Amino acid sequence: MDALQGIMTGIQVALSVEGILFVLMGVFVGTFIGMLPGLGPISAIAIMIPITYGMAPTIALVMMAGVYYGAVFGGSTSSILLNAPGISGTVASSFDGYPMAQQGKAGKALAVAAISSFAGGTVSVVLLMLFAPVLASVAVSFGPPAYFALMLMGLTLISSLSECSTIKALISATIGFMVATIGLDGQTGTQRFTFGNPNLFEGIDFLVIALGLFALTEVCTLILNRKDQSLSQNKSIGSLKLSKSDVKEMSGPMSRHSFLGFILGILPGAGATIASFISYVTEKRISKKSHQFGKGSIKGLAAPEASNNAATSGAFVPLLSLGIPGSGTTAVMLGAFMVLGVQPGPLLMSDQPEIFWGIIASMYIGNIFLLIINLPLIPYIARILRIPRPLLISLVIMFSLIGVYSISFNPFDLYLLLICGVLGFVMRLFSFPAPPLILAFILGGMMEQSFRQSLTISNGNLMIFIENPISLALLIVALLSFLVPIIKYFISRKSEDSNETTSL
């Protein structure tokens, strides 16, 4: 079956009465779950698996795919309004989305997020239809050396996440690396920084750190400065309309990072979280208005929103074409495939084209539904800001505790959440940026694992990173990313010195 015929088969499945109904159900459930801090698509899909018993595999998988990208689409809501990320893939959206809400532009921020998410999802679905089999083979060619170089390239952008001191950003990143090493060593089984506590053997979950550093830190700030009117939450929703300048400003980041997010999404293990962070720091690095990032920049919100939704679709490339999960959520999806008696992989396209192409076509229909559902609801969703501050603080704390506890049902995680909240407040008190810590924590574990795997493959020969063409190219980009700001700094200093000499 050629690609065109397969696409027509998929559209037929997606536009059937059952297909439309279950896609709508999936994206609605996913959007609602994504809005709740700490709850994410992994939990949602796991809950949906028993519900799919007795359903046709195609319709069941279409619905669960809708839950996945619906949760990513809706996860930005709590990030923007409450600074409490709904899912890990929307943490970067809070960097500029929450400041916009504080400035009385919550409606505009949610509109930018919805449109950017739709653009990222649409572009990625088109790419998925056209290049899924080819891109799957490209994803497999990314071995441990290439992954290490990719993670290193991401870390060279850490200085972009600091509004002021690069030294403080590096200190935050160091803390993130340290936290990432907690747990059992994946290769030797050695305990690292667990202090003999079995609750730390599996490390610290990402959402525990994210909700602690953002949601609880914001709560602490509001409580301790409750008499300071300058820090009070702006309850104005603002206009939902985007001006021509707003559309022009967000069009570039949407286009660029829809492609970048999709490419990063197809890499097994990368996922929407890494894609959104790399897109954010990349856009900040190339923007002429980088000083506005972190203060309510439309570009700073559009870039990660387009990227994380594009990465969601990209994660289906290795899953459908190779049977390899591209993220934690698609790993649960793989289990759902097995339960329904479907074996994803190279033969899925030829043996069960209605499933392969049906899931892909349903994503486009689902993205349209998400836009239709979310845009009209923005005025009502944004009214969360009008909730009295004491009640709002209580709700944020409650949802954060429920979200963290639902990850592993371990009370110890609640203590870790409180510790991370205190750490985040202390960091804010002394102007240490939290984003570098988050990025280093995400990339640290994968970077270490890829580095050790590479050395195992090469018997300790570091030349493996140079001999691999993909890793070599990424290392060159990382080196340039590290050196260019330093060169620019010395050039600017030299020009300032020459101007001073001339004026004298």
Protein backbone atom coordinates (compact mmCIF):
# COMPACT_ATOMS: atom_id res chain seq x y z
CA MET A 1 0.00 0.00 0.00
CA ASP A 2 1.49 3.36 -1.04
CA ALA A 3 1.48 6.41 1.17
CA LEU A 4 -1.40 8.19 -0.60
CA GLN A 5 -3.67 5.17 -0.34
CA GLY A 6 -2.67 4.76 3.30
CA ILE A 7 -3.49 8.39 4.07
CA MET A 8 -6.93 7.96 2.47
CA THR A 9 -7.49 4.86 4.62
CA GLY A 10 -6.52 6.82 7.73
CA ILE A 11 -8.82 9.73 6.87
CA GLN A 12 -11.67 7.26 6.34
CA VAL A 13 -11.07 5.85 9.84
CA ALA A 14 -10.72 9.28 11.46
CA LEU A 15 -13.85 10.70 9.79
CA SER A 16 -16.09 7.75 10.65
CA VAL A 17 -18.78 8.36 13.27
CA GLU A 18 -16.94 6.23 15.83
CA GLY A 19 -13.60 7.83 14.96
CA ILE A 20 -14.88 11.38 15.43
CA LEU A 21 -16.70 10.49 18.65
CA PHE A 22 -13.73 8.78 20.32
CA VAL A 23 -11.19 11.35 19.11
CA LEU A 24 -13.39 14.05 20.66
CA MET A 25 -13.69 12.03 23.87
CA GLY A 26 -9.94 11.44 24.02
CA VAL A 27 -8.89 15.06 23.49
CA PHE A 28 -11.51 16.33 25.94
CA VAL A 29 -10.38 13.94 28.69
CA GLY A 30 -6.74 14.66 27.90
CA THR A 31 -7.23 18.43 28.02
CA PHE A 32 -8.98 18.25 31.38
CA ILE A 33 -6.32 15.96 32.90
CA GLY A 34 -3.52 18.10 31.48
CA MET A 35 -4.88 21.15 33.29
CA LEU A 36 -4.49 19.48 36.68
CA PRO A 37 -0.97 20.01 38.13
CA GLY A 38 0.98 16.78 38.42
CA LEU A 39 -1.48 14.56 36.58
CA GLY A 40 -0.36 13.74 33.06
CA PRO A 41 -1.01 11.58 30.01
CA ILE A 42 0.81 8.58 31.49
CA SER A 43 -1.71 8.26 34.31
CA ALA A 44 -4.60 9.02 31.98
CA ILE A 45 -3.66 6.36 29.42
CA ALA A 46 -3.02 3.80 32.15
CA ILE A 47 -6.53 4.48 33.48
CA MET A 48 -8.04 4.26 29.99
CA ILE A 49 -6.56 0.83 29.18
CA PRO A 50 -9.18 -1.17 31.15
CA ILE A 51 -11.93 0.94 29.54
CA THR A 52 -10.83 -0.17 26.07
CA TYR A 53 -11.50 -3.87 26.71
CA GLY A 54 -13.89 -5.13 24.04
CA MET A 55 -13.38 -2.08 21.79
CA ALA A 56 -12.00 -2.29 18.26
CA PRO A 57 -8.20 -1.79 18.47
CA THR A 58 -8.23 1.04 15.93
CA ILE A 59 -10.83 3.11 17.77
CA ALA A 60 -9.30 2.39 21.19
CA LEU A 61 -5.82 3.48 20.08
CA VAL A 62 -7.19 6.57 18.35
CA MET A 63 -8.87 7.57 21.62
CA MET A 64 -5.73 7.00 23.71
CA ALA A 65 -3.62 8.97 21.24
CA GLY A 66 -6.15 11.80 21.67
CA VAL A 67 -5.68 11.64 25.44
CA TYR A 68 -1.92 11.95 24.95
CA TYR A 69 -1.73 15.03 22.76
CA GLY A 70 -4.82 16.51 24.43
CA ALA A 71 -3.01 16.45 27.79
CA VAL A 72 0.01 18.22 26.32
CA PHE A 73 -2.30 20.78 24.69
CA GLY A 74 -4.15 21.46 27.96
CA GLY A 75 -1.12 21.26 30.25
CA SER A 76 -0.15 24.85 29.50
CA THR A 77 -3.26 26.19 31.26
CA SER A 78 -2.08 25.67 34.83
CA SER A 79 1.47 26.67 33.85
CA ILE A 80 0.24 30.02 32.55
CA LEU A 81 -2.40 30.81 35.17
CA LEU A 82 -0.90 29.32 38.34
CA ASN A 83 2.79 28.71 37.57
CA ALA A 84 2.00 25.07 38.38
CA PRO A 85 2.92 22.95 35.33
CA GLY A 86 0.16 20.53 34.39
CA ILE A 87 2.67 18.14 32.84
CA SER A 88 6.45 18.12 32.51
CA GLY A 89 6.28 19.16 28.84
CA THR A 90 4.73 22.53 29.74
CA VAL A 91 7.25 23.68 32.36
CA ALA A 92 8.97 25.97 29.82
CA SER A 93 5.59 27.54 28.98
CA SER A 94 5.41 29.00 32.48
CA PHE A 95 8.61 31.04 32.01
CA ASP A 96 6.77 33.69 29.98
CA GLY A 97 3.15 32.54 30.20
CA TYR A 98 2.86 33.18 33.94
CA PRO A 99 4.39 36.69 33.75
CA MET A 100 1.84 37.51 31.02
CA ALA A 101 -0.98 36.38 33.33
CA GLN A 102 0.45 38.53 36.14
CA GLN A 103 0.39 41.50 33.76
CA GLY A 104 -3.32 41.03 33.07
CA LYS A 105 -2.78 39.27 29.73
CA ALA A 106 -4.01 35.81 30.71
CA GLY A 107 -6.48 35.69 27.81
CA LYS A 108 -3.82 36.58 25.27
CA ALA A 109 -1.35 34.09 26.80
CA LEU A 110 -3.87 31.23 26.59
CA ALA A 111 -4.75 32.23 23.01
CA VAL A 112 -1.06 32.26 22.01
CA ALA A 113 -0.59 28.86 23.64
CA ALA A 114 -3.65 27.37 21.90
CA ILE A 115 -2.73 28.66 18.44
CA SER A 116 0.95 27.71 18.80
CA SER A 117 -0.03 24.23 19.99
CA PHE A 118 -2.36 23.83 17.03
CA ALA A 119 0.36 24.97 14.62
CA GLY A 120 2.95 22.60 16.12
CA GLY A 121 0.51 19.69 16.10
CA THR A 122 -0.61 20.33 12.52
CA VAL A 123 2.89 20.68 11.07
CA SER A 124 4.05 17.55 12.87
CA VAL A 125 1.09 15.49 11.63
CA VAL A 126 1.84 16.49 8.03
CA LEU A 127 5.50 15.52 8.51
CA LEU A 128 4.40 12.31 10.19
CA MET A 129 2.23 11.39 7.19
CA LEU A 130 4.96 12.13 4.67
CA PHE A 131 8.14 10.89 6.33
CA ALA A 132 7.29 8.47 9.16
CA PRO A 133 9.12 5.38 7.76
CA VAL A 134 12.18 7.39 6.67
CA LEU A 135 12.44 9.32 9.92
CA ALA A 136 12.22 6.10 11.92
CA SER A 137 15.45 4.85 10.34
CA VAL A 138 17.08 8.23 11.05
CA ALA A 139 16.04 8.03 14.70
CA VAL A 140 17.64 4.59 15.04
CA SER A 141 20.94 5.97 13.71
CA PHE A 142 21.19 8.18 16.83
CA GLY A 143 23.42 6.03 19.00
CA PRO A 144 24.81 6.87 22.47
CA PRO A 145 27.56 9.21 21.11
CA ALA A 146 24.98 11.28 19.21
CA TYR A 147 22.69 11.43 22.25
CA PHE A 148 25.57 12.61 24.44
CA ALA A 149 26.44 15.34 21.94
CA LEU A 150 22.79 16.40 21.73
CA MET A 151 22.50 16.65 25.52
CA LEU A 152 25.78 18.58 25.69
CA MET A 153 24.49 20.99 23.06
CA GLY A 154 21.40 21.57 25.19
CA LEU A 155 23.53 22.26 28.26
CA THR A 156 25.64 24.87 26.46
CA LEU A 157 22.48 26.95 26.22
CA ILE A 158 22.08 27.11 30.02
CA SER A 159 23.49 30.63 30.18
CA SER A 160 20.47 31.74 28.10
CA LEU A 161 18.18 30.74 30.95
CA SER A 162 19.65 33.32 33.31
CA GLU A 163 18.35 36.86 33.34
CA CYS A 164 21.41 38.26 35.08
CA SER A 165 24.34 36.27 36.46
CA THR A 166 25.77 33.41 34.40
CA ILE A 167 27.60 32.18 37.51
CA LYS A 168 24.30 31.76 39.35
CA ALA A 169 22.86 29.91 36.37
CA LEU A 170 25.82 27.50 36.39
CA ILE A 171 25.44 26.97 40.16
CA SER A 172 21.76 26.13 39.64
CA ALA A 173 22.71 23.73 36.86
CA THR A 174 25.27 22.06 39.13
CA ILE A 175 22.57 21.47 41.75
CA GLY A 176 20.40 19.95 39.00
CA PHE A 177 23.21 17.57 38.03
CA MET A 178 23.68 16.54 41.64
CA VAL A 179 19.98 15.80 42.11
CA ALA A 180 19.96 13.79 38.85
CA THR A 181 22.59 11.39 40.25
CA ILE A 182 20.45 10.40 43.25
CA GLY A 183 19.35 6.75 43.15
CA LEU A 184 20.76 3.44 42.02
CA ASP A 185 23.43 3.49 39.32
CA GLY A 186 21.83 2.09 36.17
CA GLN A 187 24.91 0.08 35.19
CA THR A 188 26.45 -1.07 38.46
CA GLY A 189 23.49 -0.95 40.85
CA THR A 190 25.53 1.14 43.30
CA GLN A 191 23.62 3.45 45.64
CA ARG A 192 24.39 7.13 45.05
CA PHE A 193 23.40 9.81 47.55
CA THR A 194 20.52 7.73 48.89
CA PHE A 195 21.79 7.76 52.51
CA GLY A 196 20.49 4.21 52.78
CA ASN A 197 16.89 5.35 52.29
CA PRO A 198 15.05 2.89 49.99
CA ASN A 199 12.64 5.66 48.95
CA LEU A 200 15.49 7.28 47.02
CA PHE A 201 16.61 4.15 45.16
CA GLU A 202 14.64 5.14 42.05
CA GLY A 203 15.72 8.77 42.21
CA ILE A 204 13.48 11.83 42.39
CA ASP A 205 10.64 12.23 39.92
CA PHE A 206 10.76 15.23 37.62
CA LEU A 207 7.30 16.50 38.57
CA VAL A 208 8.27 16.58 42.26
CA ILE A 209 11.04 19.03 41.43
CA ALA A 210 9.01 21.03 38.90
CA LEU A 211 6.00 21.53 41.17
CA GLY A 212 8.26 22.30 44.13
CA LEU A 213 10.41 24.87 42.32
CA PHE A 214 7.51 26.59 40.58
CA ALA A 215 4.11 25.98 42.22
CA LEU A 216 5.13 25.80 45.90
CA THR A 217 7.75 28.52 45.48
CA GLU A 218 5.04 30.81 44.11
CA VAL A 219 2.78 29.87 47.02
CA CYS A 220 5.53 30.67 49.54
CA THR A 221 6.15 34.03 47.87
CA LEU A 222 2.45 34.94 47.93
CA ILE A 223 2.05 33.92 51.57
CA LEU A 224 5.12 35.71 52.91
CA ASN A 225 4.44 38.85 50.86
CA ARG A 226 0.66 38.88 51.24
CA LYS A 227 0.69 42.51 52.39
CA ASP A 228 2.77 43.64 49.42
CA GLN A 229 0.24 44.89 46.85
CA SER A 230 2.87 45.01 44.10
CA LEU A 231 3.05 41.20 44.15
CA SER A 232 -0.70 40.68 44.12
CA GLN A 233 -2.12 38.60 41.32
CA ASN A 234 -3.58 40.71 38.48
CA LYS A 235 -7.13 39.42 38.19
CA SER A 236 -7.74 41.05 34.81
CA ILE A 237 -8.15 38.47 32.06
CA GLY A 238 -7.46 40.93 29.28
CA SER A 239 -8.42 40.64 25.64
CA LEU A 240 -8.15 37.38 23.73
CA LYS A 241 -7.55 39.21 20.46
CA LEU A 242 -4.10 39.08 18.94
CA SER A 243 -2.93 42.12 17.03
CA LYS A 244 -1.10 41.92 13.71
CA SER A 245 2.18 42.56 15.51
CA ASP A 246 1.44 39.71 17.95
CA VAL A 247 0.71 37.31 15.09
CA LYS A 248 3.86 38.43 13.29
CA GLU A 249 5.92 38.02 16.44
CA MET A 250 4.71 34.47 17.12
CA SER A 251 4.72 33.21 13.52
CA GLY A 252 8.50 32.81 13.36
CA PRO A 253 8.88 30.77 16.57
CA MET A 254 5.83 28.65 15.66
CA SER A 255 7.30 27.75 12.27
CA ARG A 256 10.84 27.09 13.46
CA HIS A 257 10.04 25.10 16.56
CA SER A 258 7.26 23.02 15.03
CA PHE A 259 9.96 21.43 12.89
CA LEU A 260 12.57 21.34 15.68
CA GLY A 261 10.11 19.83 18.16
CA PHE A 262 9.07 17.13 15.70
CA ILE A 263 12.69 16.18 14.99
CA LEU A 264 13.52 15.99 18.71
CA GLY A 265 10.31 14.07 19.36
CA ILE A 266 11.28 11.19 17.07
CA LEU A 267 14.43 10.54 19.09
CA PRO A 268 13.67 7.73 21.57
CA GLY A 269 13.89 9.11 25.10
CA ALA A 270 13.84 12.80 24.20
CA GLY A 271 10.14 13.67 24.27
CA ALA A 272 8.17 16.90 24.69
CA THR A 273 9.98 18.08 27.84
CA ILE A 274 13.45 18.23 26.31
CA ALA A 275 12.04 19.58 23.04
CA SER A 276 10.26 22.47 24.80
CA PHE A 277 13.35 23.46 26.82
CA ILE A 278 15.71 23.34 23.84
CA SER A 279 13.24 25.34 21.74
CA TYR A 280 12.89 27.96 24.48
CA VAL A 281 16.62 28.50 24.99
CA THR A 282 17.28 28.38 21.22
CA GLU A 283 14.64 31.03 20.54
CA LYS A 284 16.00 33.19 23.33
CA ARG A 285 19.51 32.87 21.94
CA ILE A 286 18.55 33.90 18.39
CA SER A 287 15.97 36.55 19.32
CA LYS A 288 16.82 40.23 19.00
CA LYS A 289 14.64 40.86 22.06
CA SER A 290 16.13 38.23 24.35
CA HIS A 291 15.93 40.66 27.29
CA GLN A 292 12.12 40.29 27.19
CA PHE A 293 12.23 36.54 27.78
CA GLY A 294 11.10 35.57 31.25
CA LYS A 295 9.09 38.80 31.51
CA GLY A 296 6.10 37.95 29.32
CA SER A 297 7.51 37.48 25.82
CA ILE A 298 5.09 36.12 23.22
CA LYS A 299 8.00 34.41 21.47
CA GLY A 300 9.02 32.79 24.75
CA LEU A 301 5.56 31.26 25.04
CA ALA A 302 4.97 30.36 21.38
CA ALA A 303 8.28 28.49 20.95
CA PRO A 304 7.88 25.81 23.67
CA GLU A 305 4.14 25.43 23.01
CA ALA A 306 4.68 24.70 19.31
CA SER A 307 7.61 22.45 20.11
CA ASN A 308 6.07 20.26 22.81
CA ASN A 309 2.97 19.51 20.71
CA ALA A 310 5.09 18.77 17.65
CA ALA A 311 7.27 16.45 19.75
CA THR A 312 4.15 14.60 20.90
CA SER A 313 3.36 13.59 17.32
CA GLY A 314 7.04 12.92 16.63
CA ALA A 315 7.13 10.41 19.48
CA PHE A 316 4.74 8.21 17.48
CA VAL A 317 7.31 7.75 14.69
CA PRO A 318 9.54 5.21 16.49
CA LEU A 319 6.49 3.69 18.22
CA LEU A 320 4.49 2.96 15.08
CA SER A 321 7.38 2.29 12.68
CA LEU A 322 9.80 0.41 14.94
CA GLY A 323 7.86 -0.55 18.07
CA ILE A 324 10.25 1.60 20.14
CA PRO A 325 8.65 4.07 22.59
CA GLY A 326 9.90 7.62 22.07
CA SER A 327 8.78 8.89 25.51
CA GLY A 328 7.41 7.69 28.82
CA THR A 329 3.86 8.11 27.59
CA THR A 330 4.43 6.15 24.39
CA ALA A 331 5.96 3.40 26.54
CA VAL A 332 2.56 3.09 28.24
CA MET A 333 0.96 3.31 24.79
CA LEU A 334 3.12 0.35 23.74
CA GLY A 335 1.60 -1.62 26.59
CA ALA A 336 -1.86 -0.61 25.36
CA PHE A 337 -0.96 -1.89 21.89
CA MET A 338 0.04 -5.24 23.39
CA VAL A 339 -3.14 -5.50 25.47
CA LEU A 340 -5.22 -4.89 22.34
CA GLY A 341 -3.29 -7.53 20.41
CA VAL A 342 -1.50 -5.11 18.09
CA GLN A 343 2.24 -5.40 17.44
CA PRO A 344 3.72 -2.02 16.41
CA GLY A 345 6.75 -2.14 14.17
CA PRO A 346 7.84 -2.33 10.52
CA LEU A 347 4.97 -4.67 9.57
CA LEU A 348 2.21 -2.55 11.10
CA MET A 349 1.95 -0.29 8.04
CA SER A 350 1.43 -3.20 5.65
CA ASP A 351 -0.45 -5.66 7.88
CA GLN A 352 -2.80 -3.24 9.68
CA PRO A 353 -2.76 0.01 7.69
CA GLU A 354 -6.07 1.15 9.20
CA ILE A 355 -4.37 1.36 12.63
CA PHE A 356 -1.12 2.96 11.41
CA TRP A 357 -2.74 5.59 9.20
CA GLY A 358 -5.88 5.89 11.34
CA ILE A 359 -3.89 7.09 14.37
CA ILE A 360 -1.93 9.57 12.24
CA ALA A 361 -5.04 10.99 10.50
CA SER A 362 -6.93 11.22 13.78
CA MET A 363 -4.21 13.53 15.15
CA TYR A 364 -5.11 16.18 12.60
CA ILE A 365 -8.82 15.89 13.42
CA GLY A 366 -7.94 15.95 17.12
CA ASN A 367 -5.90 19.15 16.79
CA ILE A 368 -8.86 20.87 15.13
CA PHE A 369 -11.12 19.70 17.97
CA LEU A 370 -8.62 20.97 20.54
CA LEU A 371 -8.57 24.42 18.99
CA ILE A 372 -12.38 24.50 18.79
CA ILE A 373 -12.71 23.35 22.41
CA ASN A 374 -10.03 25.55 23.95
CA LEU A 375 -10.43 28.95 22.28
CA PRO A 376 -14.11 29.49 23.30
CA LEU A 377 -13.36 28.28 26.83
CA ILE A 378 -10.46 30.69 27.43
CA PRO A 379 -12.60 33.43 29.08
CA TYR A 380 -14.02 30.85 31.49
CA ILE A 381 -10.73 29.07 32.16
CA ALA A 382 -8.97 32.37 32.83
CA ARG A 383 -11.49 33.17 35.58
CA ILE A 384 -9.35 30.96 37.80
CA LEU A 385 -7.42 34.17 38.41
CA ARG A 386 -10.50 35.74 40.01
CA ILE A 387 -10.58 33.14 42.77
CA PRO A 388 -9.68 34.81 46.12
CA ARG A 389 -5.99 34.47 46.88
CA PRO A 390 -6.35 32.33 50.07
CA LEU A 391 -8.58 29.84 48.23
CA LEU A 392 -6.33 29.86 45.15
CA ILE A 393 -3.26 29.12 47.29
CA SER A 394 -5.10 26.24 48.96
CA LEU A 395 -6.14 24.79 45.59
CA VAL A 396 -2.59 24.99 44.20
CA ILE A 397 -1.20 23.22 47.27
CA MET A 398 -3.93 20.57 47.15
CA PHE A 399 -3.50 19.79 43.43
CA SER A 400 0.29 19.73 43.79
CA LEU A 401 0.08 17.24 46.67
CA ILE A 402 -2.46 15.07 44.82
CA GLY A 403 -0.42 15.17 41.62
CA VAL A 404 2.82 14.16 43.32
CA TYR A 405 1.17 11.46 45.46
CA SER A 406 -0.52 9.94 42.39
CA ILE A 407 2.86 9.30 40.75
CA SER A 408 3.91 6.46 43.05
CA PHE A 409 1.48 6.69 46.02
CA ASN A 410 4.50 7.19 48.27
CA PRO A 411 4.12 9.70 51.15
CA PHE A 412 7.89 10.25 51.06
CA ASP A 413 7.45 12.14 47.75
CA LEU A 414 5.34 14.72 49.60
CA TYR A 415 8.28 15.50 51.90
CA LEU A 416 10.52 15.84 48.84
CA LEU A 417 7.97 18.22 47.32
CA LEU A 418 8.12 20.44 50.41
CA ILE A 419 11.93 20.37 50.39
CA CYS A 420 11.96 21.39 46.71
CA GLY A 421 9.49 24.18 47.53
CA VAL A 422 11.77 25.54 50.24
CA LEU A 423 14.80 25.21 47.93
CA GLY A 424 12.96 27.09 45.21
CA PHE A 425 11.99 29.89 47.57
CA VAL A 426 15.58 30.26 48.82
CA MET A 427 16.81 30.33 45.23
CA ARG A 428 14.31 33.03 44.34
CA LEU A 429 15.28 34.97 47.47
CA PHE A 430 18.92 35.09 46.36
CA SER A 431 18.13 35.46 42.61
CA PHE A 432 19.25 32.00 41.53
CA PRO A 433 17.30 31.00 38.38
CA ALA A 434 15.30 27.76 38.57
CA PRO A 435 15.16 26.86 34.82
CA PRO A 436 18.88 25.87 34.60
CA LEU A 437 18.37 23.45 37.51
CA ILE A 438 15.39 21.87 35.76
CA LEU A 439 17.20 21.57 32.42
CA ALA A 440 20.33 20.09 34.01
CA PHE A 441 18.20 17.59 35.93
CA ILE A 442 16.44 16.48 32.75
CA LEU A 443 19.57 16.20 30.64
CA GLY A 444 21.97 15.05 33.37
CA GLY A 445 20.79 11.45 33.68
CA MET A 446 20.50 10.90 29.92
CA MET A 447 23.85 12.57 29.32
CA GLU A 448 25.63 10.40 31.88
CA GLN A 449 24.02 7.22 30.57
CA SER A 450 24.89 8.03 26.94
CA PHE A 451 28.48 8.93 27.87
CA ARG A 452 29.03 5.67 29.76
CA GLN A 453 27.37 3.60 27.04
CA SER A 454 29.61 5.24 24.44
CA LEU A 455 32.75 4.45 26.42
CA THR A 456 31.57 0.87 26.94
CA ILE A 457 31.07 0.44 23.19
CA SER A 458 34.50 1.93 22.38
CA ASN A 459 36.38 0.27 25.27
CA GLY A 460 37.10 3.68 26.79
CA ASN A 461 38.18 5.40 23.57
CA LEU A 462 36.96 9.02 23.53
CA MET A 463 37.48 9.21 19.78
CA ILE A 464 34.07 7.58 19.35
CA PHE A 465 32.48 11.02 19.78
CA ILE A 466 34.52 12.42 16.88
CA GLU A 467 34.37 9.39 14.60
CA ASN A 468 30.57 9.42 14.64
CA PRO A 469 29.51 12.08 12.07
CA ILE A 470 26.25 12.96 13.84
CA SER A 471 27.90 13.43 17.22
CA LEU A 472 30.76 15.39 15.63
CA ALA A 473 28.32 17.81 13.99
CA LEU A 474 26.42 18.27 17.24
CA LEU A 475 29.64 18.80 19.21
CA ILE A 476 30.69 21.52 16.76
CA VAL A 477 27.32 23.23 17.20
CA ALA A 478 27.70 22.95 20.98
CA LEU A 479 31.20 24.46 20.84
CA LEU A 480 30.00 27.35 18.69
CA SER A 481 27.02 27.89 20.99
CA PHE A 482 29.44 28.13 23.92
CA LEU A 483 32.06 30.34 22.23
CA VAL A 484 29.90 32.83 20.31
CA PRO A 485 28.51 34.62 23.42
CA ILE A 486 32.05 34.86 24.88
CA ILE A 487 33.40 36.32 21.63
CA LYS A 488 30.49 38.78 21.46
CA TYR A 489 31.21 39.82 25.05
CA PHE A 490 34.88 40.59 24.39
CA ILE A 491 34.03 42.42 21.14
CA SER A 492 31.49 44.60 22.97
CA ARG A 493 34.00 45.29 25.76
CA LYS A 494 36.65 46.23 23.21
CA SER A 495 34.27 48.58 21.39
CA GLU A 496 33.26 50.20 24.70
CA ASP A 497 36.92 50.70 25.66
CA SER A 498 37.67 52.26 22.25
CA ASN A 499 34.68 54.60 22.55
CA GLU A 500 35.86 55.70 25.98
CA THR A 501 39.36 56.36 24.62
CA THR A 502 37.93 58.37 21.72
CA SER A 503 35.75 60.46 24.03
CA LEU A 504 38.77 61.28 26.19
